[in-house]
Amino acid sequence: MHEYPITQQIIKISEKHCREAGAEKVTKVRLVVGEYSGFVGDSIQMYFDVIGKGTLCEGALLEMEYVKAKLKCPACGEIYQKIPMSFACPKCGEDGGPTEIGKEFYIEEIEVE
């Protein structure tokens, strides 16, 4: 349910961008969503379709680029994608720790016409 307020903000930002560009409507909003961002893309899409009705975003395409979470090895510095059931670095075998990669959540692009 925490996707509802963030989707409201996406629409608000998109409408502001549209007005500032002197355009009539938003045609596409492209988001970057990290695997560990805490947001579910399907829920954002659902809310975008519902609360976008009657706004400059009505009918706009909502496109999402998903970013897989990555770990960093403290021993060799390798940045890698975790495999199921293991934190081991594929290069040296040491267990890696979390990075900021995969926590992203932002608007990458807004298209208007």
C-alpha atoms as a PDB file:
ATOM      1  CA  MET A   1       0.000   0.000   0.000  1.00  0.00           C
ATOM      2  CA  HIS A   2       2.997   2.341   0.368  1.00  0.00           C
ATOM      3  CA  GLU A   3       3.098   2.486  -3.451  1.00  0.00           C
ATOM      4  CA  TYR A   4      -0.008   4.728  -3.455  1.00  0.00           C
ATOM      5  CA  PRO A   5       1.663   7.914  -2.087  1.00  0.00           C
ATOM      6  CA  ILE A   6       4.793   7.445  -4.204  1.00  0.00           C
ATOM      7  CA  THR A   7       2.620   7.025  -7.303  1.00  0.00           C
ATOM      8  CA  GLN A   8       0.787  10.238  -6.406  1.00  0.00           C
ATOM      9  CA  GLN A   9       4.173  11.992  -6.347  1.00  0.00           C
ATOM     10  CA  ILE A  10       5.160  10.473  -9.715  1.00  0.00           C
ATOM     11  CA  ILE A  11       1.980  11.873 -11.236  1.00  0.00           C
ATOM     12  CA  LYS A  12       2.464  15.259  -9.546  1.00  0.00           C
ATOM     13  CA  ILE A  13       6.076  15.538 -10.798  1.00  0.00           C
ATOM     14  CA  SER A  14       5.081  14.395 -14.288  1.00  0.00           C
ATOM     15  CA  GLU A  15       2.249  16.917 -14.503  1.00  0.00           C
ATOM     16  CA  LYS A  16       4.545  19.713 -13.334  1.00  0.00           C
ATOM     17  CA  HIS A  17       7.102  18.766 -15.978  1.00  0.00           C
ATOM     18  CA  CYS A  18       4.357  18.702 -18.618  1.00  0.00           C
ATOM     19  CA  ARG A  19       3.095  22.176 -17.697  1.00  0.00           C
ATOM     20  CA  GLU A  20       6.612  23.624 -17.588  1.00  0.00           C
ATOM     21  CA  ALA A  21       7.276  22.209 -21.049  1.00  0.00           C
ATOM     22  CA  GLY A  22       4.082  23.845 -22.353  1.00  0.00           C
ATOM     23  CA  ALA A  23       2.738  20.435 -23.385  1.00  0.00           C
ATOM     24  CA  GLU A  24      -0.790  19.102 -23.248  1.00  0.00           C
ATOM     25  CA  LYS A  25      -0.246  15.618 -21.861  1.00  0.00           C
ATOM     26  CA  VAL A  26       2.242  13.132 -20.507  1.00  0.00           C
ATOM     27  CA  THR A  27       2.813  10.242 -22.917  1.00  0.00           C
ATOM     28  CA  LYS A  28       5.404   8.178 -21.041  1.00  0.00           C
ATOM     29  CA  VAL A  29       7.035   8.011 -17.626  1.00  0.00           C
ATOM     30  CA  ARG A  30      10.120   5.829 -17.241  1.00  0.00           C
ATOM     31  CA  LEU A  31      11.111   4.694 -13.751  1.00  0.00           C
ATOM     32  CA  VAL A  32      14.211   2.955 -12.447  1.00  0.00           C
ATOM     33  CA  VAL A  33      13.243   0.489  -9.709  1.00  0.00           C
ATOM     34  CA  GLY A  34      15.856  -1.370  -7.679  1.00  0.00           C
ATOM     35  CA  GLU A  35      15.176  -4.911  -6.515  1.00  0.00           C
ATOM     36  CA  TYR A  36      15.658  -3.800  -2.889  1.00  0.00           C
ATOM     37  CA  SER A  37      13.945  -0.402  -3.220  1.00  0.00           C
ATOM     38  CA  GLY A  38      10.908  -1.671  -1.334  1.00  0.00           C
ATOM     39  CA  PHE A  39       8.524  -0.820  -4.174  1.00  0.00           C
ATOM     40  CA  VAL A  40       6.533  -3.306  -6.246  1.00  0.00           C
ATOM     41  CA  GLY A  41       6.279  -2.394  -9.913  1.00  0.00           C
ATOM     42  CA  ASP A  42       2.885  -4.040 -10.445  1.00  0.00           C
ATOM     43  CA  SER A  43       1.378  -2.022  -7.583  1.00  0.00           C
ATOM     44  CA  ILE A  44       2.814   1.228  -8.942  1.00  0.00           C
ATOM     45  CA  GLN A  45       1.357   0.375 -12.353  1.00  0.00           C
ATOM     46  CA  MET A  46      -2.073  -0.338 -10.859  1.00  0.00           C
ATOM     47  CA  TYR A  47      -2.124   2.927  -8.897  1.00  0.00           C
ATOM     48  CA  PHE A  48      -0.775   4.892 -11.870  1.00  0.00           C
ATOM     49  CA  ASP A  49      -3.670   3.646 -14.020  1.00  0.00           C
ATOM     50  CA  VAL A  50      -6.293   4.342 -11.339  1.00  0.00           C
ATOM     51  CA  ILE A  51      -5.216   7.701  -9.893  1.00  0.00           C
ATOM     52  CA  GLY A  52      -3.910   8.922 -13.252  1.00  0.00           C
ATOM     53  CA  LYS A  53      -7.474   9.129 -14.595  1.00  0.00           C
ATOM     54  CA  GLY A  54      -8.495  12.731 -15.116  1.00  0.00           C
ATOM     55  CA  THR A  55      -4.889  13.977 -14.922  1.00  0.00           C
ATOM     56  CA  LEU A  56      -2.332  14.923 -17.564  1.00  0.00           C
ATOM     57  CA  CYS A  57      -0.955  11.383 -17.098  1.00  0.00           C
ATOM     58  CA  GLU A  58      -4.148   9.620 -18.134  1.00  0.00           C
ATOM     59  CA  GLY A  59      -3.302   7.066 -20.811  1.00  0.00           C
ATOM     60  CA  ALA A  60       0.464   7.540 -20.418  1.00  0.00           C
ATOM     61  CA  LEU A  61       2.753   4.543 -20.673  1.00  0.00           C
ATOM     62  CA  LEU A  62       4.516   3.688 -17.431  1.00  0.00           C
ATOM     63  CA  GLU A  63       7.779   1.953 -18.215  1.00  0.00           C
ATOM     64  CA  MET A  64      10.014   0.420 -15.554  1.00  0.00           C
ATOM     65  CA  GLU A  65      13.648  -0.564 -15.693  1.00  0.00           C
ATOM     66  CA  TYR A  66      14.472  -3.037 -12.944  1.00  0.00           C
ATOM     67  CA  VAL A  67      17.925  -3.079 -11.316  1.00  0.00           C
ATOM     68  CA  LYS A  68      19.156  -6.290  -9.680  1.00  0.00           C
ATOM     69  CA  ALA A  69      20.807  -5.962  -6.279  1.00  0.00           C
ATOM     70  CA  LYS A  70      24.581  -6.391  -6.144  1.00  0.00           C
ATOM     71  CA  LEU A  71      27.007  -7.349  -3.380  1.00  0.00           C
ATOM     72  CA  LYS A  72      30.599  -6.227  -2.865  1.00  0.00           C
ATOM     73  CA  CYS A  73      33.354  -8.542  -1.697  1.00  0.00           C
ATOM     74  CA  PRO A  74      35.344  -7.057   1.220  1.00  0.00           C
ATOM     75  CA  ALA A  75      38.411  -9.135   0.293  1.00  0.00           C
ATOM     76  CA  CYS A  76      38.881  -8.517  -3.435  1.00  0.00           C
ATOM     77  CA  GLY A  77      36.448  -5.657  -4.151  1.00  0.00           C
ATOM     78  CA  GLU A  78      34.441  -7.622  -6.742  1.00  0.00           C
ATOM     79  CA  ILE A  79      30.877  -6.345  -7.257  1.00  0.00           C
ATOM     80  CA  TYR A  80      28.549  -9.174  -8.183  1.00  0.00           C
ATOM     81  CA  GLN A  81      24.977 -10.384  -8.264  1.00  0.00           C
ATOM     82  CA  LYS A  82      24.079 -12.753  -5.445  1.00  0.00           C
ATOM     83  CA  ILE A  83      23.149 -16.278  -6.418  1.00  0.00           C
ATOM     84  CA  PRO A  84      20.409 -18.119  -4.466  1.00  0.00           C
ATOM     85  CA  MET A  85      21.471 -19.561  -1.113  1.00  0.00           C
ATOM     86  CA  SER A  86      24.943 -17.979  -1.180  1.00  0.00           C
ATOM     87  CA  PHE A  87      26.713 -14.692  -0.505  1.00  0.00           C
ATOM     88  CA  ALA A  88      30.061 -16.036  -1.789  1.00  0.00           C
ATOM     89  CA  CYS A  89      32.103 -13.914  -4.180  1.00  0.00           C
ATOM     90  CA  PRO A  90      32.474 -15.711  -7.526  1.00  0.00           C
ATOM     91  CA  LYS A  91      36.075 -14.475  -7.760  1.00  0.00           C
ATOM     92  CA  CYS A  92      37.536 -15.381  -4.335  1.00  0.00           C
ATOM     93  CA  GLY A  93      34.797 -17.111  -2.332  1.00  0.00           C
ATOM     94  CA  GLU A  94      34.617 -14.548   0.510  1.00  0.00           C
ATOM     95  CA  ASP A  95      31.094 -13.515   1.588  1.00  0.00           C
ATOM     96  CA  GLY A  96      30.097 -10.129   0.187  1.00  0.00           C
ATOM     97  CA  GLY A  97      28.061  -7.356   1.734  1.00  0.00           C
ATOM     98  CA  PRO A  98      25.298  -5.084   0.488  1.00  0.00           C
ATOM     99  CA  THR A  99      25.844  -2.102  -1.802  1.00  0.00           C
ATOM    100  CA  GLU A 100      23.565   0.715  -2.929  1.00  0.00           C
ATOM    101  CA  ILE A 101      23.072  -1.041  -6.265  1.00  0.00           C
ATOM    102  CA  GLY A 102      19.521  -2.349  -6.299  1.00  0.00           C
ATOM    103  CA  LYS A 103      18.098   0.279  -3.930  1.00  0.00           C
ATOM    104  CA  GLU A 104      17.404   2.820  -6.686  1.00  0.00           C
ATOM    105  CA  PHE A 105      14.010   4.388  -7.222  1.00  0.00           C
ATOM    106  CA  TYR A 106      13.688   7.441  -9.431  1.00  0.00           C
ATOM    107  CA  ILE A 107      12.070   8.923 -12.530  1.00  0.00           C
ATOM    108  CA  GLU A 108      14.496   8.465 -15.412  1.00  0.00           C
ATOM    109  CA  GLU A 109      12.457  10.206 -18.121  1.00  0.00           C
ATOM    110  CA  ILE A 110       9.155  11.948 -18.747  1.00  0.00           C
ATOM    111  CA  GLU A 111       7.862  12.277 -22.303  1.00  0.00           C
ATOM    112  CA  VAL A 112       5.187  14.835 -23.144  1.00  0.00           C
ATOM    113  CA  GLU A 113       3.393  16.139 -26.221  1.00  0.00           C
END
